[in-house]
């Protein structure tokens, strides 16, 4: 166990040294403990919205200090275990796993999520062994897919229940697939024709291009009693208000985005007058990660089909530039570390 015995080493990672700048450089990774595994990462995926906020220095979470630079981003990866500590159970060298991140090394000055790193040192209880028919490429999308799964799992769904998903980004696409799998009749709405074409191709949904159109009015015409379920991913108080307008009495609202600043302010009277049940899903659990992984394995949750850009890690800066300036049409972005 050479790595375990020799302690701290260096690996390659994505670093945001300051707002708007991306570099690929060496980073220290911590010494392995007895319950740690060392995972050599093959693929990581960008969480588009969250990592854009991080890169801009605008990710401010309630009751938490502001994010500091330098920052090591990312929180979803797939790779192969190449070393195990002596107290690791049920994980062996050679196993392919999902890994969230590499543990923060002592002495790192800045913030650390630690996903986009070539080697992860992680507690074995935090990684998930992959079935043979799920690739590390697919596994690299798992955490964000779990966020969509979580939101779509919250409402009660009767067979054929009407559901509208606002936003056809990755989160909206994942959620719409799960709602369809649960038996809802889903309409996914966006202003991007390209993203709606992807949704139409890989999901059993209706698509609605709301550019220049009143989505709420169109849905009220289609469903005079209102929509049973609306899942909002656009992270805007304006679209939240629109979601409430189209909901039926005693409808169900899922706030599945990240709502910064004043976008998170809601007049509770909007919800009260219709007795709307509101869900605010957040973060991840192992049980939800495993459930989302099963749906990927079964083909009910398509993830690799939503990837529009596979990028060698040396070109990571260009990928993040695409996030900032919207210079290309994109959906899923996967880094290839091999």
Protein backbone atom coordinates (compact mmCIF):
# COMPACT_ATOMS: atom_id res chain seq x y z
CA UNK A 1 0.00 0.00 0.00
CA UNK A 2 2.55 2.52 -1.15
CA UNK A 3 0.19 5.50 -1.27
CA UNK A 4 -1.21 4.73 2.16
CA UNK A 5 2.24 4.43 3.65
CA UNK A 6 3.79 7.53 2.10
CA UNK A 7 1.09 10.02 3.08
CA UNK A 8 0.40 13.30 1.34
CA UNK A 9 0.79 13.39 -2.44
CA UNK A 10 -0.13 15.73 -5.25
CA UNK A 11 -2.77 15.29 -7.90
CA UNK A 12 -4.21 17.42 -10.67
CA UNK A 13 -7.26 19.56 -10.03
CA UNK A 14 -9.46 22.33 -11.34
CA UNK A 15 -8.97 25.53 -9.35
CA UNK A 16 -10.79 28.86 -9.38
CA UNK A 17 -7.99 31.12 -8.04
CA UNK A 18 -10.19 34.21 -8.25
CA UNK A 19 -13.61 35.13 -9.67
CA UNK A 20 -13.84 34.40 -13.39
CA UNK A 21 -10.54 32.53 -13.73
CA UNK A 22 -9.91 28.79 -14.10
CA UNK A 23 -6.59 26.96 -13.94
CA UNK A 24 -5.53 23.31 -13.98
CA UNK A 25 -2.76 22.78 -11.47
CA UNK A 26 -1.31 20.44 -8.89
CA UNK A 27 -3.08 20.23 -5.55
CA UNK A 28 -2.15 18.41 -2.38
CA UNK A 29 -4.38 15.52 -1.48
CA UNK A 30 -4.47 14.22 2.08
CA UNK A 31 -2.81 11.15 3.49
CA UNK A 32 -5.03 8.09 3.54
CA UNK A 33 -6.56 6.95 6.79
CA UNK A 34 -7.42 3.35 7.65
CA UNK A 35 -11.04 3.70 6.40
CA UNK A 36 -10.14 5.59 3.22
CA UNK A 37 -10.10 4.57 -0.41
CA UNK A 38 -8.05 6.17 -3.15
CA UNK A 39 -10.08 6.57 -6.35
CA UNK A 40 -8.49 7.36 -9.69
CA UNK A 41 -11.08 9.51 -11.40
CA UNK A 42 -12.02 8.93 -15.02
CA UNK A 43 -14.94 11.37 -15.44
CA UNK A 44 -16.39 14.34 -13.58
CA UNK A 45 -19.38 16.46 -14.55
CA UNK A 46 -20.04 20.15 -14.13
CA UNK A 47 -23.07 21.22 -12.14
CA UNK A 48 -23.79 24.09 -14.49
CA UNK A 49 -25.75 26.50 -12.34
CA UNK A 50 -23.95 25.93 -9.04
CA UNK A 51 -20.45 26.04 -10.50
CA UNK A 52 -21.29 29.17 -12.48
CA UNK A 53 -22.29 30.86 -9.21
CA UNK A 54 -19.03 29.64 -7.64
CA UNK A 55 -16.87 30.87 -10.52
CA UNK A 56 -18.51 34.30 -10.34
CA UNK A 57 -18.01 34.43 -6.58
CA UNK A 58 -21.74 34.77 -6.03
CA UNK A 59 -22.63 31.59 -4.18
CA UNK A 60 -23.75 32.87 -0.80
CA UNK A 61 -25.65 30.40 1.35
CA UNK A 62 -27.72 31.38 4.40
CA UNK A 63 -25.92 31.10 7.74
CA UNK A 64 -22.65 30.24 6.01
CA UNK A 65 -19.60 32.45 5.46
CA UNK A 66 -19.05 33.74 1.91
CA UNK A 67 -17.21 31.37 -0.43
CA UNK A 68 -13.48 32.05 -0.44
CA UNK A 69 -10.93 31.86 -3.24
CA UNK A 70 -9.04 29.86 -4.28
CA UNK A 71 -11.87 27.36 -4.72
CA UNK A 72 -11.72 23.72 -5.86
CA UNK A 73 -15.13 23.00 -7.43
CA UNK A 74 -17.14 19.92 -8.27
CA UNK A 75 -19.08 17.24 -6.42
CA UNK A 76 -19.73 14.31 -8.75
CA UNK A 77 -17.24 11.87 -10.23
CA UNK A 78 -16.76 8.31 -11.39
CA UNK A 79 -13.57 6.30 -11.22
CA UNK A 80 -11.76 3.15 -10.10
CA UNK A 81 -10.46 2.30 -6.64
CA UNK A 82 -6.69 1.89 -6.77
CA UNK A 83 -5.92 1.63 -3.05
CA UNK A 84 -7.75 0.82 0.18
CA UNK A 85 -7.01 1.38 3.83
CA UNK A 86 -6.78 -1.64 6.13
CA UNK A 87 -10.21 -1.08 7.72
CA UNK A 88 -12.20 -0.63 4.50
CA UNK A 89 -15.15 -2.99 4.11
CA UNK A 90 -17.01 -4.13 0.96
CA UNK A 91 -14.88 -2.03 -1.41
CA UNK A 92 -11.91 -3.57 -3.19
CA UNK A 93 -9.12 -2.41 -5.41
CA UNK A 94 -10.44 -2.42 -8.97
CA UNK A 95 -14.04 -1.57 -8.04
CA UNK A 96 -15.63 1.19 -10.09
CA UNK A 97 -17.39 3.74 -7.88
CA UNK A 98 -19.22 7.03 -7.70
CA UNK A 99 -17.31 9.50 -5.53
CA UNK A 100 -18.43 12.97 -4.48
CA UNK A 101 -15.04 14.48 -3.78
CA UNK A 102 -11.56 14.27 -2.36
CA UNK A 103 -11.29 15.18 1.30
CA UNK A 104 -9.85 18.63 1.98
CA UNK A 105 -6.14 18.52 2.78
CA UNK A 106 -4.70 20.22 5.83
CA UNK A 107 -3.40 23.68 5.08
CA UNK A 108 -5.63 24.49 2.10
CA UNK A 109 -6.34 28.22 2.11
CA UNK A 110 -9.69 28.84 0.49
CA UNK A 111 -12.85 26.82 -0.10
CA UNK A 112 -12.82 23.18 -1.13
CA UNK A 113 -15.48 21.01 -2.67
CA UNK A 114 -12.88 18.75 -4.24
CA UNK A 115 -14.81 17.00 -7.01
CA UNK A 116 -12.78 17.96 -10.08
CA UNK A 117 -9.55 16.26 -8.98
CA UNK A 118 -7.77 13.33 -10.61
CA UNK A 119 -7.48 11.39 -7.34
CA UNK A 120 -10.02 11.26 -4.52
CA UNK A 121 -9.09 10.27 -0.99
CA UNK A 122 -12.46 9.50 0.57
CA UNK A 123 -14.01 7.59 3.44
CA UNK A 124 -15.15 4.29 1.96
CA UNK A 125 -18.65 4.84 3.36
CA UNK A 126 -19.14 7.86 1.08
CA UNK A 127 -18.46 6.10 -2.24
CA UNK A 128 -21.00 3.92 -4.04
CA UNK A 129 -19.99 0.82 -5.97
CA UNK A 130 -21.32 0.84 -9.53
CA UNK A 131 -23.20 -2.02 -11.16
CA UNK A 132 -21.48 -3.53 -14.17
CA UNK A 133 -23.85 -1.87 -16.64
CA UNK A 134 -23.37 1.72 -15.39
CA UNK A 135 -20.24 3.50 -16.65
CA UNK A 136 -18.06 5.95 -14.75
CA UNK A 137 -19.16 8.45 -17.41
CA UNK A 138 -22.77 8.03 -16.28
CA UNK A 139 -21.77 7.94 -12.61
CA UNK A 140 -20.18 11.36 -12.95
CA UNK A 141 -23.67 12.83 -13.38
CA UNK A 142 -25.21 11.06 -10.40
CA UNK A 143 -25.42 13.74 -7.74
CA UNK A 144 -27.23 16.28 -9.90
CA UNK A 145 -29.44 13.52 -11.29
CA UNK A 146 -30.28 12.72 -7.66
CA UNK A 147 -31.31 16.36 -7.12
CA UNK A 148 -33.83 16.04 -9.96
CA UNK A 149 -34.92 12.64 -8.65
CA UNK A 150 -35.43 14.10 -5.19
CA UNK A 151 -37.65 16.93 -6.40
CA UNK A 152 -39.72 14.67 -8.65
CA UNK A 153 -40.16 12.15 -5.82
CA UNK A 154 -41.76 14.64 -3.42
CA UNK A 155 -45.30 15.11 -4.78
CA UNK A 156 -48.06 12.55 -4.70
CA UNK A 157 -48.63 11.51 -8.33
CA UNK A 158 -51.88 9.99 -9.53
CA UNK A 159 -51.77 8.17 -12.88
CA UNK A 160 -52.02 10.75 -15.64
CA UNK A 161 -51.70 13.71 -13.27
CA UNK A 162 -50.81 16.94 -15.04
CA UNK A 163 -47.32 18.25 -14.28
CA UNK A 164 -45.35 21.20 -15.61
CA UNK A 165 -41.57 21.46 -15.27
CA UNK A 166 -40.25 25.00 -15.66
CA UNK A 167 -36.74 24.92 -17.13
CA UNK A 168 -35.18 22.33 -19.45
CA UNK A 169 -31.68 22.47 -18.05
CA UNK A 170 -30.17 19.32 -16.60
CA UNK A 171 -32.18 19.51 -13.41
CA UNK A 172 -35.47 20.01 -15.24
CA UNK A 173 -34.68 17.19 -17.66
CA UNK A 174 -33.86 14.75 -14.86
CA UNK A 175 -36.97 15.71 -12.89
CA UNK A 176 -39.26 15.45 -15.90
CA UNK A 177 -37.99 11.93 -16.65
CA UNK A 178 -38.70 10.82 -13.09
CA UNK A 179 -42.16 12.41 -13.06
CA UNK A 180 -42.95 10.57 -16.30
CA UNK A 181 -41.70 7.33 -14.78
CA UNK A 182 -44.02 7.91 -11.82
CA UNK A 183 -47.00 8.22 -14.15
CA UNK A 184 -47.48 11.97 -14.59
CA UNK A 185 -48.32 13.65 -17.89
CA UNK A 186 -45.44 16.13 -18.10
CA UNK A 187 -45.04 19.37 -20.01
CA UNK A 188 -41.52 20.81 -19.86
CA UNK A 189 -41.15 24.51 -20.67
CA UNK A 190 -38.13 26.55 -21.68
CA UNK A 191 -37.09 29.28 -24.13
CA UNK A 192 -34.33 27.07 -25.63
CA UNK A 193 -35.54 25.10 -28.63
CA UNK A 194 -32.36 23.00 -28.55
CA UNK A 195 -32.94 21.88 -24.96
CA UNK A 196 -36.59 21.16 -25.66
CA UNK A 197 -35.58 19.01 -28.64
CA UNK A 198 -33.35 16.96 -26.32
CA UNK A 199 -36.20 16.57 -23.83
CA UNK A 200 -38.58 15.51 -26.58
CA UNK A 201 -36.08 12.98 -27.90
CA UNK A 202 -35.24 11.27 -24.60
CA UNK A 203 -38.36 11.75 -22.45
CA UNK A 204 -42.04 10.97 -22.86
CA UNK A 205 -42.99 14.62 -22.40
CA UNK A 206 -44.75 17.42 -24.16
CA UNK A 207 -42.53 20.42 -24.79
CA UNK A 208 -43.51 24.08 -24.67
CA UNK A 209 -41.35 26.90 -25.99
CA UNK A 210 -42.42 29.84 -23.87
CA UNK A 211 -40.39 32.45 -25.74
CA UNK A 212 -42.87 35.28 -26.27
CA UNK A 213 -45.73 33.21 -24.84
CA UNK A 214 -47.64 33.24 -21.57
CA UNK A 215 -47.00 29.77 -20.15
CA UNK A 216 -49.44 30.13 -17.27
CA UNK A 217 -52.27 31.29 -19.54
CA UNK A 218 -51.65 28.45 -21.99
CA UNK A 219 -51.66 25.88 -19.20
CA UNK A 220 -54.85 27.33 -17.71
CA UNK A 221 -56.49 27.02 -21.13
CA UNK A 222 -55.35 23.41 -21.38
CA UNK A 223 -56.21 22.55 -17.76
CA UNK A 224 -59.18 24.75 -16.72
CA UNK A 225 -59.06 23.42 -13.15
CA UNK A 226 -55.33 24.06 -12.92
CA UNK A 227 -52.22 21.93 -13.07
CA UNK A 228 -51.76 19.31 -10.36
CA UNK A 229 -47.96 19.63 -10.03
CA UNK A 230 -45.45 22.32 -10.97
CA UNK A 231 -41.73 21.76 -10.50
CA UNK A 232 -39.71 24.98 -10.81
CA UNK A 233 -36.00 24.92 -11.68
CA UNK A 234 -35.43 28.39 -13.17
CA UNK A 235 -34.63 29.89 -9.74
CA UNK A 236 -36.64 33.06 -10.29
CA UNK A 237 -39.33 34.59 -8.10
CA UNK A 238 -41.12 35.56 -11.31
CA UNK A 239 -41.40 31.95 -12.49
CA UNK A 240 -42.37 30.82 -8.99
CA UNK A 241 -45.27 33.27 -9.10
CA UNK A 242 -46.18 31.97 -12.55
CA UNK A 243 -46.09 28.40 -11.23
CA UNK A 244 -48.52 29.29 -8.47
CA UNK A 245 -50.85 30.98 -10.97
CA UNK A 246 -51.19 27.81 -13.05
CA UNK A 247 -51.59 25.41 -10.12
CA UNK A 248 -54.92 23.89 -9.19
CA UNK A 249 -56.48 24.38 -5.77
CA UNK A 250 -54.52 22.12 -3.39
CA UNK A 251 -51.88 21.72 -6.08
CA UNK A 252 -48.28 20.78 -5.37
CA UNK A 253 -45.28 23.07 -5.93
CA UNK A 254 -41.68 21.88 -5.92
CA UNK A 255 -39.02 24.59 -5.61
CA UNK A 256 -36.15 22.62 -7.12
CA UNK A 257 -33.74 25.45 -7.92
CA UNK A 258 -31.24 27.59 -6.03
CA UNK A 259 -32.83 30.93 -5.16
CA UNK A 260 -30.20 33.59 -4.43
CA UNK A 261 -30.91 36.88 -2.72
CA UNK A 262 -34.34 38.35 -3.34
CA UNK A 263 -35.26 35.49 -5.71
CA UNK A 264 -35.97 33.46 -2.58
CA UNK A 265 -38.60 35.89 -1.28
CA UNK A 266 -42.15 34.54 -1.59
CA UNK A 267 -45.41 36.04 -0.39
CA UNK A 268 -46.92 33.14 1.56
CA UNK A 269 -50.39 34.49 0.77
CA UNK A 270 -49.87 33.27 -2.82
CA UNK A 271 -49.66 29.74 -1.45
CA UNK A 272 -52.30 30.06 1.23
CA UNK A 273 -55.17 31.17 -1.01
CA UNK A 274 -54.92 27.92 -3.01
CA UNK A 275 -53.79 25.74 -0.08
CA UNK A 276 -50.75 24.73 -2.11
CA UNK A 277 -48.43 22.08 -0.72
CA UNK A 278 -44.87 23.28 -1.24
CA UNK A 279 -41.71 21.17 -1.23
CA UNK A 280 -38.19 22.56 -0.91
CA UNK A 281 -35.83 19.66 -1.77
CA UNK A 282 -32.17 20.10 -1.00
CA UNK A 283 -28.80 18.36 -1.13
CA UNK A 284 -28.39 14.58 -1.19
CA UNK A 285 -28.62 11.40 0.83
CA UNK A 286 -27.03 8.04 0.14
CA UNK A 287 -30.46 6.42 -0.17
CA UNK A 288 -31.49 8.93 -2.85
CA UNK A 289 -28.19 8.55 -4.69
CA UNK A 290 -28.67 4.79 -4.76
CA UNK A 291 -32.28 5.14 -5.91
CA UNK A 292 -31.26 7.48 -8.75
CA UNK A 293 -28.48 5.06 -9.69
CA UNK A 294 -31.03 2.24 -9.97
CA UNK A 295 -33.15 4.34 -12.33
CA UNK A 296 -30.07 5.03 -14.46
CA UNK A 297 -29.29 1.30 -14.52
CA UNK A 298 -32.88 0.47 -15.49
CA UNK A 299 -32.93 3.06 -18.27
CA UNK A 300 -35.66 5.19 -16.70
CA UNK A 301 -33.25 8.06 -16.01
CA UNK A 302 -31.17 8.92 -19.05
CA UNK A 303 -28.03 10.88 -18.25
CA UNK A 304 -25.38 10.31 -20.90
CA UNK A 305 -27.90 11.30 -23.58
CA UNK A 306 -28.06 14.78 -22.05
CA UNK A 307 -24.31 15.38 -22.40
CA UNK A 308 -23.59 17.80 -25.22
CA UNK A 309 -19.88 18.36 -24.52
CA UNK A 310 -17.19 15.90 -23.43
CA UNK A 311 -14.04 17.88 -22.69
CA UNK A 312 -10.48 16.82 -21.97
CA UNK A 313 -9.44 18.25 -18.63
CA UNK A 314 -6.78 20.44 -20.24
CA UNK A 315 -9.62 22.34 -21.91
CA UNK A 316 -11.60 22.90 -18.71
CA UNK A 317 -11.11 26.66 -18.83
CA UNK A 318 -12.85 26.84 -22.21
CA UNK A 319 -15.77 24.81 -20.84
CA UNK A 320 -16.24 27.22 -17.95
CA UNK A 321 -15.97 30.19 -20.31
CA UNK A 322 -18.92 28.67 -22.15
CA UNK A 323 -20.87 28.70 -18.88
CA UNK A 324 -20.12 32.34 -18.26
CA UNK A 325 -20.65 33.85 -21.69
CA UNK A 326 -23.13 31.34 -23.15
CA UNK A 327 -20.93 31.29 -26.26
CA UNK A 328 -22.22 27.86 -27.29
CA UNK A 329 -25.39 25.88 -26.84
CA UNK A 330 -24.79 23.28 -24.18
CA UNK A 331 -26.49 21.07 -21.66
CA UNK A 332 -24.39 18.41 -19.93
CA UNK A 333 -20.60 18.90 -19.74
CA UNK A 334 -18.35 15.99 -18.77
CA UNK A 335 -14.61 16.21 -18.11
CA UNK A 336 -12.59 13.24 -19.33
CA UNK A 337 -9.57 12.71 -17.04
CA UNK A 338 -8.17 9.67 -18.86
